[in-house]
């Protein structure tokens, strides 16, 4: 398992790149929406890992399983460049269709690890303030309370028409 970097990050640059590519396949860009990886969800998940150590083991296992399946897929396709245990991620060298096949295989063979990737990606994506703004939702306030709608001044029309109904003291 990785130890936190100087800035508190848990994942290495290679792991972040792999996670970003995975997230872009789980929630791809489309209809004016960014892909999950492009929206910065890998960095958000990295912060989750620094705050929630219990997530580390399943996430690292899921990343390892994706890489192992990508190596197997590239070896089966006869791609010697990705079949060896190089320093480059085999998943990153695959086409998008092959990446989807690897993730579908993980979903079938190791559903609990796939669920970790999917759940954490969804959580990071649908709490991202930029994504919420694109969806037309107001991001929640820091304490989790939604922002109130703008005040409608027309609601005060009857009160303003009555005039002053109090006396000065």
N, C-alpha and C. Protein backbone atom coordinates (compact mmCIF):
# COMPACT_ATOMS: atom_id res chain seq x y z
N UNK A 1 0.82 -1.18 0.00
CA UNK A 1 0.00 0.00 0.00
C UNK A 1 0.87 1.24 0.00
N UNK A 2 0.38 2.27 -0.66
CA UNK A 2 1.15 3.51 -0.74
C UNK A 2 1.00 4.31 0.53
N UNK A 3 2.01 5.07 0.82
CA UNK A 3 1.96 6.00 1.94
C UNK A 3 1.66 7.39 1.40
N UNK A 4 1.10 8.27 2.23
CA UNK A 4 0.78 9.62 1.75
C UNK A 4 2.03 10.36 1.26
N UNK A 5 1.86 11.12 0.20
CA UNK A 5 2.91 11.98 -0.31
C UNK A 5 2.99 13.21 0.58
N UNK A 6 3.87 14.13 0.22
CA UNK A 6 4.03 15.36 1.00
C UNK A 6 2.73 16.14 1.08
N UNK A 7 1.95 16.14 -0.01
CA UNK A 7 0.72 16.93 -0.04
C UNK A 7 -0.48 16.16 0.49
N UNK A 8 -0.28 14.97 1.04
CA UNK A 8 -1.37 14.18 1.60
C UNK A 8 -1.97 13.21 0.61
N UNK A 9 -1.50 13.24 -0.65
CA UNK A 9 -2.04 12.35 -1.67
C UNK A 9 -1.60 10.91 -1.38
N UNK A 10 -2.43 9.98 -1.72
CA UNK A 10 -2.16 8.56 -1.51
C UNK A 10 -1.71 7.90 -2.81
N UNK A 11 -2.36 8.20 -3.91
CA UNK A 11 -2.08 7.56 -5.18
C UNK A 11 -0.86 8.18 -5.87
N UNK A 12 -0.10 7.34 -6.55
CA UNK A 12 1.03 7.84 -7.34
C UNK A 12 0.49 8.46 -8.63
N UNK A 13 1.34 9.14 -9.37
CA UNK A 13 0.93 9.75 -10.63
C UNK A 13 0.43 8.68 -11.61
N UNK A 14 1.07 7.51 -11.63
CA UNK A 14 0.65 6.43 -12.52
C UNK A 14 -0.73 5.89 -12.10
N UNK A 15 -0.93 5.75 -10.80
CA UNK A 15 -2.23 5.27 -10.32
C UNK A 15 -3.33 6.29 -10.60
N UNK A 16 -3.02 7.57 -10.45
CA UNK A 16 -4.00 8.62 -10.77
C UNK A 16 -4.37 8.59 -12.25
N UNK A 17 -3.37 8.41 -13.13
CA UNK A 17 -3.65 8.34 -14.57
C UNK A 17 -4.52 7.14 -14.89
N UNK A 18 -4.23 6.00 -14.27
CA UNK A 18 -5.03 4.79 -14.48
C UNK A 18 -6.46 5.02 -13.98
N UNK A 19 -6.60 5.56 -12.79
CA UNK A 19 -7.92 5.80 -12.23
C UNK A 19 -8.71 6.80 -13.08
N UNK A 20 -8.05 7.82 -13.56
CA UNK A 20 -8.71 8.80 -14.43
C UNK A 20 -9.23 8.13 -15.70
N UNK A 21 -8.43 7.27 -16.31
CA UNK A 21 -8.86 6.56 -17.52
C UNK A 21 -10.04 5.63 -17.22
N UNK A 22 -9.99 4.95 -16.09
CA UNK A 22 -11.10 4.08 -15.70
C UNK A 22 -12.37 4.91 -15.50
N UNK A 23 -12.24 6.02 -14.79
CA UNK A 23 -13.41 6.85 -14.51
C UNK A 23 -14.00 7.43 -15.79
N UNK A 24 -13.15 7.75 -16.77
CA UNK A 24 -13.66 8.27 -18.04
C UNK A 24 -14.42 7.20 -18.83
N UNK A 25 -14.19 5.93 -18.53
CA UNK A 25 -14.97 4.86 -19.16
C UNK A 25 -16.24 4.58 -18.36
N UNK A 26 -16.19 4.74 -17.04
CA UNK A 26 -17.38 4.52 -16.21
C UNK A 26 -18.42 5.62 -16.44
N UNK A 27 -17.95 6.87 -16.51
CA UNK A 27 -18.83 8.00 -16.82
C UNK A 27 -18.14 8.78 -17.94
N UNK A 28 -18.43 8.40 -19.19
CA UNK A 28 -17.76 9.08 -20.31
C UNK A 28 -18.36 10.46 -20.56
N UNK A 29 -17.58 11.29 -21.24
CA UNK A 29 -18.05 12.63 -21.61
C UNK A 29 -19.16 12.50 -22.66
N UNK A 30 -20.08 13.43 -22.61
CA UNK A 30 -21.15 13.45 -23.60
C UNK A 30 -22.25 14.42 -23.21
N UNK A 31 -22.94 14.94 -24.20
CA UNK A 31 -24.06 15.86 -23.99
C UNK A 31 -23.66 17.06 -23.14
N UNK A 32 -22.47 17.58 -23.38
CA UNK A 32 -22.01 18.76 -22.64
C UNK A 32 -21.48 18.46 -21.25
N UNK A 33 -21.44 17.20 -20.89
CA UNK A 33 -20.95 16.81 -19.56
C UNK A 33 -19.53 16.27 -19.70
N UNK A 34 -18.65 16.59 -18.74
CA UNK A 34 -17.30 16.03 -18.80
C UNK A 34 -17.31 14.58 -18.34
N UNK A 35 -16.31 13.84 -18.77
CA UNK A 35 -16.11 12.50 -18.24
C UNK A 35 -15.68 12.60 -16.79
N UNK A 36 -15.89 11.56 -16.03
CA UNK A 36 -15.56 11.60 -14.60
C UNK A 36 -14.08 11.87 -14.36
N UNK A 37 -13.22 11.23 -15.13
CA UNK A 37 -11.79 11.47 -14.98
C UNK A 37 -11.40 12.89 -15.35
N UNK A 38 -12.02 13.40 -16.43
CA UNK A 38 -11.74 14.77 -16.87
C UNK A 38 -12.25 15.80 -15.87
N UNK A 39 -13.25 15.44 -15.08
CA UNK A 39 -13.81 16.37 -14.09
C UNK A 39 -12.98 16.41 -12.81
N UNK A 40 -11.90 15.63 -12.74
CA UNK A 40 -11.04 15.65 -11.57
C UNK A 40 -11.44 14.69 -10.48
N UNK A 41 -12.25 13.70 -10.83
CA UNK A 41 -12.74 12.76 -9.82
C UNK A 41 -11.63 11.86 -9.27
N UNK A 42 -10.57 11.64 -10.04
CA UNK A 42 -9.47 10.83 -9.53
C UNK A 42 -8.80 11.54 -8.36
N UNK A 43 -8.61 12.84 -8.48
CA UNK A 43 -8.02 13.61 -7.37
C UNK A 43 -8.96 13.65 -6.17
N UNK A 44 -10.25 13.74 -6.43
CA UNK A 44 -11.23 13.72 -5.34
C UNK A 44 -11.15 12.39 -4.61
N UNK A 45 -11.08 11.31 -5.36
CA UNK A 45 -10.98 9.98 -4.75
C UNK A 45 -9.67 9.83 -3.99
N UNK A 46 -8.61 10.45 -4.48
CA UNK A 46 -7.33 10.43 -3.77
C UNK A 46 -7.48 11.11 -2.41
N UNK A 47 -8.23 12.21 -2.36
CA UNK A 47 -8.49 12.86 -1.06
C UNK A 47 -9.34 11.96 -0.16
N UNK A 48 -10.33 11.27 -0.75
CA UNK A 48 -11.13 10.32 0.04
C UNK A 48 -10.22 9.29 0.70
N UNK A 49 -9.23 8.80 -0.06
CA UNK A 49 -8.34 7.77 0.47
C UNK A 49 -7.50 8.30 1.63
N UNK A 50 -7.12 9.56 1.58
CA UNK A 50 -6.33 10.11 2.68
C UNK A 50 -7.20 10.31 3.92
N UNK A 51 -8.50 10.52 3.71
CA UNK A 51 -9.42 10.73 4.84
C UNK A 51 -10.04 9.43 5.34
N UNK A 52 -10.12 8.43 4.47
CA UNK A 52 -10.78 7.16 4.81
C UNK A 52 -9.86 5.99 4.47
N UNK A 53 -8.96 5.66 5.37
CA UNK A 53 -7.99 4.57 5.09
C UNK A 53 -8.64 3.23 4.77
N UNK A 54 -9.85 2.99 5.22
CA UNK A 54 -10.52 1.72 4.94
C UNK A 54 -10.80 1.52 3.45
N UNK A 55 -10.83 2.61 2.68
CA UNK A 55 -11.08 2.51 1.24
C UNK A 55 -9.83 2.10 0.46
N UNK A 56 -8.67 2.22 1.08
CA UNK A 56 -7.42 2.02 0.34
C UNK A 56 -7.27 0.60 -0.19
N UNK A 57 -7.40 -0.38 0.67
CA UNK A 57 -7.17 -1.76 0.25
C UNK A 57 -8.10 -2.16 -0.90
N UNK A 58 -9.42 -1.94 -0.81
CA UNK A 58 -10.26 -2.35 -1.95
C UNK A 58 -9.97 -1.56 -3.22
N UNK A 59 -9.63 -0.28 -3.10
CA UNK A 59 -9.34 0.49 -4.30
C UNK A 59 -8.04 0.02 -4.95
N UNK A 60 -7.00 -0.20 -4.15
CA UNK A 60 -5.74 -0.70 -4.71
C UNK A 60 -5.95 -2.08 -5.34
N UNK A 61 -6.76 -2.92 -4.74
CA UNK A 61 -7.04 -4.23 -5.30
C UNK A 61 -7.78 -4.09 -6.64
N UNK A 62 -8.71 -3.14 -6.71
CA UNK A 62 -9.45 -2.91 -7.95
C UNK A 62 -8.51 -2.41 -9.06
N UNK A 63 -7.63 -1.47 -8.73
CA UNK A 63 -6.68 -0.96 -9.73
C UNK A 63 -5.76 -2.09 -10.21
N UNK A 64 -5.31 -2.92 -9.29
CA UNK A 64 -4.44 -4.05 -9.65
C UNK A 64 -5.19 -5.02 -10.56
N UNK A 65 -6.46 -5.29 -10.23
CA UNK A 65 -7.25 -6.21 -11.04
C UNK A 65 -7.47 -5.67 -12.45
N UNK A 66 -7.69 -4.38 -12.57
CA UNK A 66 -7.86 -3.77 -13.90
C UNK A 66 -6.58 -3.91 -14.70
N UNK A 67 -5.45 -3.61 -14.07
CA UNK A 67 -4.16 -3.73 -14.77
C UNK A 67 -3.88 -5.17 -15.18
N UNK A 68 -4.16 -6.13 -14.30
CA UNK A 68 -3.93 -7.54 -14.62
C UNK A 68 -4.81 -7.97 -15.79
N UNK A 69 -6.06 -7.54 -15.79
CA UNK A 69 -6.97 -7.89 -16.89
C UNK A 69 -6.54 -7.20 -18.19
N UNK A 70 -6.03 -5.98 -18.09
CA UNK A 70 -5.56 -5.27 -19.29
C UNK A 70 -4.32 -5.96 -19.87
N UNK A 71 -3.41 -6.41 -19.01
CA UNK A 71 -2.24 -7.16 -19.48
C UNK A 71 -2.68 -8.46 -20.16
N UNK A 72 -3.63 -9.16 -19.56
CA UNK A 72 -4.13 -10.40 -20.15
C UNK A 72 -4.81 -10.14 -21.49
N UNK A 73 -5.59 -9.07 -21.58
CA UNK A 73 -6.28 -8.74 -22.83
C UNK A 73 -5.29 -8.38 -23.93
N UNK A 74 -4.26 -7.62 -23.57
CA UNK A 74 -3.27 -7.25 -24.59
C UNK A 74 -2.43 -8.45 -25.00
N UNK A 75 -2.16 -9.37 -24.06
CA UNK A 75 -1.41 -10.59 -24.40
C UNK A 75 -2.24 -11.49 -25.31
N UNK A 76 -3.55 -11.57 -25.03
CA UNK A 76 -4.42 -12.39 -25.85
C UNK A 76 -4.55 -11.82 -27.26
N UNK A 77 -4.45 -10.50 -27.36
CA UNK A 77 -4.53 -9.86 -28.68
C UNK A 77 -3.20 -9.92 -29.40
N UNK A 78 -2.16 -10.40 -28.71
CA UNK A 78 -0.84 -10.53 -29.33
C UNK A 78 -0.06 -9.24 -29.37
N UNK A 79 -0.41 -8.29 -28.53
CA UNK A 79 0.29 -7.00 -28.48
C UNK A 79 1.45 -7.13 -27.51
N UNK A 80 2.63 -7.38 -28.02
CA UNK A 80 3.81 -7.59 -27.17
C UNK A 80 4.20 -6.34 -26.41
N UNK A 81 3.86 -5.16 -26.94
CA UNK A 81 4.26 -3.92 -26.27
C UNK A 81 3.55 -3.76 -24.93
N UNK A 82 2.31 -4.23 -24.83
CA UNK A 82 1.59 -4.09 -23.57
C UNK A 82 1.56 -5.38 -22.78
N UNK A 83 1.91 -6.49 -23.41
CA UNK A 83 1.84 -7.77 -22.71
C UNK A 83 2.94 -7.92 -21.67
N UNK A 84 4.07 -7.23 -21.87
CA UNK A 84 5.13 -7.35 -20.87
C UNK A 84 4.80 -6.50 -19.65
N UNK A 85 5.53 -6.69 -18.59
CA UNK A 85 5.30 -5.94 -17.36
C UNK A 85 6.08 -4.63 -17.41
N UNK A 86 5.74 -3.76 -18.35
CA UNK A 86 6.45 -2.50 -18.49
C UNK A 86 5.97 -1.51 -17.43
N UNK A 87 6.64 -0.37 -17.40
CA UNK A 87 6.26 0.65 -16.42
C UNK A 87 5.01 1.41 -16.85
N UNK A 88 4.60 1.23 -18.10
CA UNK A 88 3.39 1.90 -18.58
C UNK A 88 2.17 1.06 -18.26
N UNK A 89 1.08 1.72 -18.00
CA UNK A 89 -0.16 1.03 -17.72
C UNK A 89 -0.67 0.35 -18.99
N UNK A 90 -0.94 -0.93 -18.91
CA UNK A 90 -1.49 -1.65 -20.05
C UNK A 90 -2.88 -1.13 -20.37
N UNK A 91 -3.64 -0.74 -19.36
CA UNK A 91 -4.99 -0.23 -19.58
C UNK A 91 -4.96 1.04 -20.41
N UNK A 92 -3.99 1.91 -20.15
CA UNK A 92 -3.91 3.18 -20.87
C UNK A 92 -3.56 2.99 -22.34
N UNK A 93 -2.94 1.87 -22.67
CA UNK A 93 -2.54 1.61 -24.05
C UNK A 93 -3.64 0.92 -24.87
N UNK A 94 -4.74 0.54 -24.20
CA UNK A 94 -5.85 -0.12 -24.89
C UNK A 94 -6.77 0.90 -25.55
N UNK A 95 -7.51 0.45 -26.56
CA UNK A 95 -8.55 1.30 -27.16
C UNK A 95 -9.71 1.42 -26.17
N UNK A 96 -10.59 2.38 -26.42
CA UNK A 96 -11.74 2.55 -25.52
C UNK A 96 -12.62 1.31 -25.49
N UNK A 97 -12.80 0.67 -26.64
CA UNK A 97 -13.61 -0.55 -26.68
C UNK A 97 -12.96 -1.65 -25.85
N UNK A 98 -11.65 -1.78 -25.94
CA UNK A 98 -10.95 -2.80 -25.15
C UNK A 98 -10.99 -2.45 -23.67
N UNK A 99 -10.91 -1.17 -23.34
CA UNK A 99 -11.03 -0.75 -21.94
C UNK A 99 -12.40 -1.13 -21.39
N UNK A 100 -13.43 -0.90 -22.19
CA UNK A 100 -14.79 -1.27 -21.75
C UNK A 100 -14.89 -2.77 -21.53
N UNK A 101 -14.27 -3.55 -22.40
CA UNK A 101 -14.28 -5.02 -22.25
C UNK A 101 -13.59 -5.43 -20.94
N UNK A 102 -12.47 -4.79 -20.64
CA UNK A 102 -11.76 -5.10 -19.39
C UNK A 102 -12.65 -4.78 -18.19
N UNK A 103 -13.32 -3.63 -18.21
CA UNK A 103 -14.18 -3.25 -17.08
C UNK A 103 -15.39 -4.16 -16.98
N UNK A 104 -15.97 -4.57 -18.12
CA UNK A 104 -17.09 -5.52 -18.07
C UNK A 104 -16.64 -6.86 -17.49
N UNK A 105 -15.44 -7.28 -17.86
CA UNK A 105 -14.90 -8.53 -17.31
C UNK A 105 -14.70 -8.43 -15.81
N UNK A 106 -14.21 -7.29 -15.35
CA UNK A 106 -14.04 -7.09 -13.91
C UNK A 106 -15.39 -7.11 -13.20
N UNK A 107 -16.38 -6.50 -13.82
CA UNK A 107 -17.73 -6.48 -13.23
C UNK A 107 -18.28 -7.90 -13.07
N UNK A 108 -17.98 -8.78 -14.01
CA UNK A 108 -18.47 -10.16 -13.95
C UNK A 108 -17.66 -11.02 -12.99
N UNK A 109 -16.32 -10.88 -13.03
CA UNK A 109 -15.48 -11.78 -12.25
C UNK A 109 -15.23 -11.31 -10.82
N UNK A 110 -15.12 -10.02 -10.62
CA UNK A 110 -14.87 -9.45 -9.28
C UNK A 110 -15.85 -8.31 -9.03
N UNK A 111 -17.13 -8.63 -8.88
CA UNK A 111 -18.14 -7.57 -8.77
C UNK A 111 -17.93 -6.64 -7.56
N UNK A 112 -17.36 -7.16 -6.47
CA UNK A 112 -17.17 -6.32 -5.29
C UNK A 112 -16.10 -5.25 -5.55
N UNK A 113 -15.07 -5.59 -6.31
CA UNK A 113 -14.04 -4.59 -6.65
C UNK A 113 -14.57 -3.60 -7.68
N UNK A 114 -15.33 -4.09 -8.64
CA UNK A 114 -15.94 -3.19 -9.62
C UNK A 114 -16.88 -2.20 -8.92
N UNK A 115 -17.63 -2.71 -7.94
CA UNK A 115 -18.56 -1.86 -7.20
C UNK A 115 -17.81 -0.74 -6.47
N UNK A 116 -16.63 -1.02 -5.94
CA UNK A 116 -15.83 0.01 -5.27
C UNK A 116 -15.50 1.12 -6.26
N UNK A 117 -15.01 0.75 -7.44
CA UNK A 117 -14.67 1.75 -8.46
C UNK A 117 -15.90 2.55 -8.88
N UNK A 118 -16.98 1.86 -9.13
CA UNK A 118 -18.19 2.52 -9.60
C UNK A 118 -18.78 3.44 -8.55
N UNK A 119 -18.93 2.95 -7.33
CA UNK A 119 -19.53 3.75 -6.26
C UNK A 119 -18.70 4.99 -5.95
N UNK A 120 -17.40 4.82 -5.83
CA UNK A 120 -16.55 5.96 -5.50
C UNK A 120 -16.49 6.97 -6.65
N UNK A 121 -16.53 6.48 -7.88
CA UNK A 121 -16.55 7.38 -9.04
C UNK A 121 -17.85 8.17 -9.07
N UNK A 122 -18.98 7.50 -8.86
CA UNK A 122 -20.26 8.20 -8.84
C UNK A 122 -20.30 9.24 -7.72
N UNK A 123 -19.80 8.87 -6.55
CA UNK A 123 -19.80 9.80 -5.42
C UNK A 123 -18.98 11.04 -5.74
N UNK A 124 -17.78 10.83 -6.28
CA UNK A 124 -16.91 11.97 -6.61
C UNK A 124 -17.52 12.82 -7.72
N UNK A 125 -18.14 12.19 -8.71
CA UNK A 125 -18.69 12.92 -9.86
C UNK A 125 -19.91 13.74 -9.48
N UNK A 126 -20.84 13.12 -8.78
CA UNK A 126 -22.11 13.80 -8.49
C UNK A 126 -22.05 14.68 -7.24
N UNK A 127 -20.87 14.86 -6.67
CA UNK A 127 -20.68 15.87 -5.64
C UNK A 127 -19.72 16.95 -6.13
N UNK A 128 -19.28 16.85 -7.36
CA UNK A 128 -18.37 17.83 -7.96
C UNK A 128 -19.17 19.11 -8.26
N UNK A 129 -18.78 20.25 -7.69
CA UNK A 129 -19.54 21.49 -7.91
C UNK A 129 -19.68 21.87 -9.38
N UNK A 130 -18.67 21.64 -10.21
CA UNK A 130 -18.77 21.97 -11.63
C UNK A 130 -19.83 21.11 -12.32
N UNK A 131 -19.88 19.84 -11.97
CA UNK A 131 -20.89 18.94 -12.55
C UNK A 131 -22.28 19.35 -12.09
N UNK A 132 -22.41 19.68 -10.82
CA UNK A 132 -23.71 20.10 -10.30
C UNK A 132 -24.21 21.36 -10.99
N UNK A 133 -23.32 22.30 -11.28
CA UNK A 133 -23.72 23.52 -11.98
C UNK A 133 -24.17 23.22 -13.40
N UNK A 134 -23.49 22.31 -14.09
CA UNK A 134 -23.88 21.94 -15.44
C UNK A 134 -25.27 21.30 -15.42
N UNK A 135 -25.54 20.51 -14.38
CA UNK A 135 -26.85 19.86 -14.24
C UNK A 135 -27.94 20.83 -13.82
N UNK A 136 -27.54 22.04 -13.43
CA UNK A 136 -28.52 23.04 -13.01
C UNK A 136 -28.84 22.98 -11.53
N UNK A 137 -28.06 22.25 -10.77
CA UNK A 137 -28.28 22.17 -9.33
C UNK A 137 -27.33 23.14 -8.65
N UNK A 138 -27.81 23.72 -7.56
CA UNK A 138 -26.91 24.54 -6.75
C UNK A 138 -26.06 23.61 -5.90
N UNK A 139 -24.74 23.81 -5.89
CA UNK A 139 -23.93 22.97 -5.01
C UNK A 139 -24.34 23.17 -3.56
N UNK A 140 -24.26 22.13 -2.74
CA UNK A 140 -24.65 22.26 -1.34
C UNK A 140 -23.71 23.20 -0.59
N UNK A 141 -24.26 23.79 0.44
CA UNK A 141 -23.45 24.65 1.30
C UNK A 141 -22.46 23.77 2.06
N UNK A 142 -21.47 24.36 2.69
CA UNK A 142 -20.45 23.55 3.39
C UNK A 142 -21.02 22.56 4.41
N UNK A 143 -22.10 22.90 5.06
CA UNK A 143 -22.67 21.99 6.04
C UNK A 143 -23.64 20.99 5.42
N UNK A 144 -23.75 21.00 4.09
CA UNK A 144 -24.63 20.06 3.41
C UNK A 144 -26.02 20.58 3.14
N UNK A 145 -26.33 21.81 3.57
CA UNK A 145 -27.64 22.37 3.34
C UNK A 145 -27.72 22.94 1.94
N UNK A 146 -28.83 22.74 1.25
CA UNK A 146 -28.93 23.30 -0.10
C UNK A 146 -29.07 24.82 -0.02
N UNK A 147 -28.64 25.51 -1.06
CA UNK A 147 -28.80 26.96 -1.08
C UNK A 147 -30.27 27.27 -1.32
N UNK A 148 -30.79 28.25 -0.63
CA UNK A 148 -32.21 28.59 -0.82
C UNK A 148 -32.40 29.26 -2.18
N UNK A 149 -33.62 29.18 -2.70
CA UNK A 149 -33.87 29.87 -3.97
C UNK A 149 -33.82 31.39 -3.74
N UNK A 150 -33.61 32.17 -4.80
CA UNK A 150 -33.59 33.62 -4.62
C UNK A 150 -34.94 34.10 -4.08
N UNK A 151 -34.89 35.12 -3.23
CA UNK A 151 -36.11 35.64 -2.63
C UNK A 151 -36.94 36.38 -3.66
N UNK A 152 -38.24 36.10 -3.69
CA UNK A 152 -39.16 36.74 -4.62
C UNK A 152 -39.77 37.96 -3.94
N UNK A 153 -39.36 39.15 -4.38
CA UNK A 153 -39.86 40.40 -3.79
C UNK A 153 -41.36 40.58 -3.99
N UNK A 154 -41.94 39.94 -4.99
CA UNK A 154 -43.38 40.08 -5.25
C UNK A 154 -44.21 39.55 -4.07
N UNK A 155 -43.64 38.69 -3.27
CA UNK A 155 -44.36 38.17 -2.10
C UNK A 155 -44.65 39.26 -1.07
N UNK A 156 -43.93 40.35 -1.11
CA UNK A 156 -44.11 41.44 -0.15
C UNK A 156 -45.08 42.51 -0.64
N UNK A 157 -45.66 42.37 -1.81
CA UNK A 157 -46.51 43.41 -2.40
C UNK A 157 -47.68 43.78 -1.48
N UNK A 158 -48.39 42.80 -0.93
CA UNK A 158 -49.55 43.09 -0.06
C UNK A 158 -49.11 43.82 1.20
N UNK A 159 -48.01 43.43 1.76
CA UNK A 159 -47.52 44.08 2.99
C UNK A 159 -47.13 45.52 2.69
N UNK A 160 -46.49 45.76 1.57
CA UNK A 160 -46.07 47.12 1.20
C UNK A 160 -47.28 48.01 0.95
N UNK A 161 -48.37 47.47 0.40
CA UNK A 161 -49.58 48.25 0.11
C UNK A 161 -50.28 48.70 1.39
N UNK A 162 -50.18 47.93 2.46
CA UNK A 162 -50.84 48.30 3.71
C UNK A 162 -50.22 49.53 4.34
N UNK A 163 -49.00 49.76 4.05
CA UNK A 163 -48.31 50.90 4.64
C UNK A 163 -47.86 50.57 6.05
N UNK A 164 -47.53 51.62 6.79
CA UNK A 164 -47.02 51.46 8.14
C UNK A 164 -48.15 51.06 9.10
N UNK A 165 -47.97 49.94 9.79
CA UNK A 165 -49.00 49.46 10.71
C UNK A 165 -48.45 49.42 12.15
N UNK A 166 -47.38 50.11 12.39
CA UNK A 166 -46.79 50.15 13.71
C UNK A 166 -46.58 51.59 14.09
N UNK A 167 -46.36 51.84 15.36
CA UNK A 167 -46.06 53.21 15.76
C UNK A 167 -44.65 53.25 16.33
N UNK A 168 -44.05 54.38 16.16
CA UNK A 168 -42.69 54.55 16.65
C UNK A 168 -42.71 54.62 18.16
N UNK A 169 -41.74 54.05 18.78
CA UNK A 169 -41.67 54.07 20.23
C UNK A 169 -40.70 55.10 20.70
